[in-house]
């Protein structure tokens, strides 16, 4: 399995290098369209190779996907946390009942009646 992972990473690296070599030409990235940039007084333009634009776009897309899934799965994580707390509470109550039962020898029905009488 480890060799398949290394082979996949090697093929991916070769593909990324090929894309980078095929798209070395510079492109101009502008923050705003020309007419809006003139109106706002902002003329922000950046000249970068096209492969950088492609790679950064893919990375930003993956990050947005991770954040989207993390937010979408919040309800599942909250449910697991609540169930874990309930399990711990029930476990503590069960151990408390086992300890109380082992300390009080005698009839279980009488012990229950005594517990309810003490609770009143």
Protein backbone atom coordinates (compact mmCIF):
# COMPACT_ATOMS: atom_id res chain seq x y z
CA UNK A 1 0.00 0.00 0.00
CA UNK A 2 2.86 2.31 0.77
CA UNK A 3 4.27 1.81 -2.74
CA UNK A 4 0.94 2.74 -4.31
CA UNK A 5 0.94 5.96 -2.33
CA UNK A 6 4.50 6.78 -3.43
CA UNK A 7 3.62 5.96 -7.04
CA UNK A 8 0.53 8.18 -6.85
CA UNK A 9 2.51 11.06 -5.36
CA UNK A 10 5.20 10.64 -8.02
CA UNK A 11 2.64 10.71 -10.85
CA UNK A 12 0.96 13.74 -9.27
CA UNK A 13 4.31 15.55 -9.02
CA UNK A 14 5.07 14.82 -12.67
CA UNK A 15 1.63 16.10 -13.71
CA UNK A 16 2.01 19.30 -11.67
CA UNK A 17 5.47 19.95 -13.10
CA UNK A 18 4.12 19.38 -16.62
CA UNK A 19 1.27 21.84 -16.03
CA UNK A 20 3.72 24.38 -14.62
CA UNK A 21 6.07 24.06 -17.60
CA UNK A 22 3.21 24.31 -20.10
CA UNK A 23 1.80 27.46 -18.46
CA UNK A 24 4.84 29.62 -17.78
CA UNK A 25 3.54 32.67 -19.65
CA UNK A 26 2.77 35.71 -17.52
CA UNK A 27 -0.80 36.85 -17.06
CA UNK A 28 -2.03 40.10 -15.57
CA UNK A 29 -4.40 39.80 -12.64
CA UNK A 30 -6.50 42.85 -11.86
CA UNK A 31 -8.51 43.41 -8.72
CA UNK A 32 -11.21 45.46 -10.48
CA UNK A 33 -12.34 45.95 -14.10
CA UNK A 34 -10.66 48.87 -15.88
CA UNK A 35 -13.61 51.29 -15.73
CA UNK A 36 -14.30 50.59 -12.08
CA UNK A 37 -10.59 50.84 -11.20
CA UNK A 38 -10.39 54.27 -12.86
CA UNK A 39 -13.50 55.43 -11.03
CA UNK A 40 -12.24 54.18 -7.64
CA UNK A 41 -8.69 55.37 -8.24
CA UNK A 42 -7.31 51.88 -7.64
CA UNK A 43 -5.13 50.39 -10.30
CA UNK A 44 -3.98 47.17 -8.74
CA UNK A 45 -2.57 44.78 -11.30
CA UNK A 46 -0.22 41.89 -10.74
CA UNK A 47 1.74 39.99 -13.37
CA UNK A 48 2.32 36.33 -12.45
CA UNK A 49 2.86 33.07 -14.32
CA UNK A 50 -0.36 31.25 -15.20
CA UNK A 51 0.57 28.05 -13.35
CA UNK A 52 0.74 30.00 -10.08
CA UNK A 53 -2.79 31.26 -10.68
CA UNK A 54 -3.93 27.69 -11.37
CA UNK A 55 -2.24 26.20 -8.29
CA UNK A 56 -3.39 28.97 -5.95
CA UNK A 57 -6.95 28.62 -7.26
CA UNK A 58 -6.92 24.88 -6.60
CA UNK A 59 -5.50 25.36 -3.10
CA UNK A 60 -8.11 28.02 -2.26
CA UNK A 61 -10.86 25.75 -3.58
CA UNK A 62 -9.68 22.86 -1.42
CA UNK A 63 -9.50 25.10 1.66
CA UNK A 64 -13.02 26.41 1.04
CA UNK A 65 -14.21 22.81 0.70
CA UNK A 66 -12.56 21.80 3.98
CA UNK A 67 -14.11 24.74 5.84
CA UNK A 68 -17.52 24.05 4.26
CA UNK A 69 -17.43 20.39 5.34
CA UNK A 70 -16.20 21.29 8.82
CA UNK A 71 -19.16 23.66 9.24
CA UNK A 72 -21.59 21.13 7.74
CA UNK A 73 -20.47 18.37 10.10
CA UNK A 74 -20.80 20.51 13.24
CA UNK A 75 -24.15 18.96 14.17
CA UNK A 76 -22.63 15.47 14.02
CA UNK A 77 -19.69 16.44 16.23
CA UNK A 78 -22.08 18.09 18.72
CA UNK A 79 -24.23 14.95 18.84
CA UNK A 80 -21.18 12.76 19.50
CA UNK A 81 -20.05 15.07 22.29
CA UNK A 82 -23.50 14.99 23.92
CA UNK A 83 -23.66 11.20 23.67
CA UNK A 84 -20.18 10.86 25.17
CA UNK A 85 -21.17 13.09 28.12
CA UNK A 86 -24.35 11.07 28.64
CA UNK A 87 -22.37 7.82 28.54
CA UNK A 88 -19.92 9.14 31.13
CA UNK A 89 -22.78 10.31 33.36
CA UNK A 90 -24.51 6.94 33.14
CA UNK A 91 -21.25 5.14 33.81
CA UNK A 92 -20.66 7.21 36.95
CA UNK A 93 -24.24 6.58 38.09
CA UNK A 94 -23.89 2.84 37.47
CA UNK A 95 -20.65 2.65 39.44
CA UNK A 96 -22.25 4.64 42.24
CA UNK A 97 -25.19 2.22 42.32
CA UNK A 98 -22.88 -0.79 42.33
CA UNK A 99 -20.90 0.69 45.21
CA UNK A 100 -24.06 1.48 47.14
CA UNK A 101 -25.43 -2.01 46.54
CA UNK A 102 -22.24 -3.71 47.70
CA UNK A 103 -22.14 -1.62 50.88
CA UNK A 104 -25.75 -2.38 51.94
CA UNK A 105 -26.36 -6.07 52.49
CA UNK A 106 -29.97 -7.10 52.60
CA UNK A 107 -33.11 -7.10 50.55
CA UNK A 108 -33.05 -5.02 47.34
CA UNK A 109 -36.69 -4.03 47.69
CA UNK A 110 -36.09 -2.75 51.22
CA UNK A 111 -33.03 -0.84 50.02
CA UNK A 112 -35.11 0.82 47.28
CA UNK A 113 -37.79 1.75 49.79
CA UNK A 114 -35.20 3.19 52.15
CA UNK A 115 -33.65 5.23 49.31
CA UNK A 116 -37.02 6.68 48.28
CA UNK A 117 -37.89 7.37 51.92
CA UNK A 118 -34.62 9.22 52.40
CA UNK A 119 -35.17 11.23 49.22
CA UNK A 120 -38.48 12.63 50.57
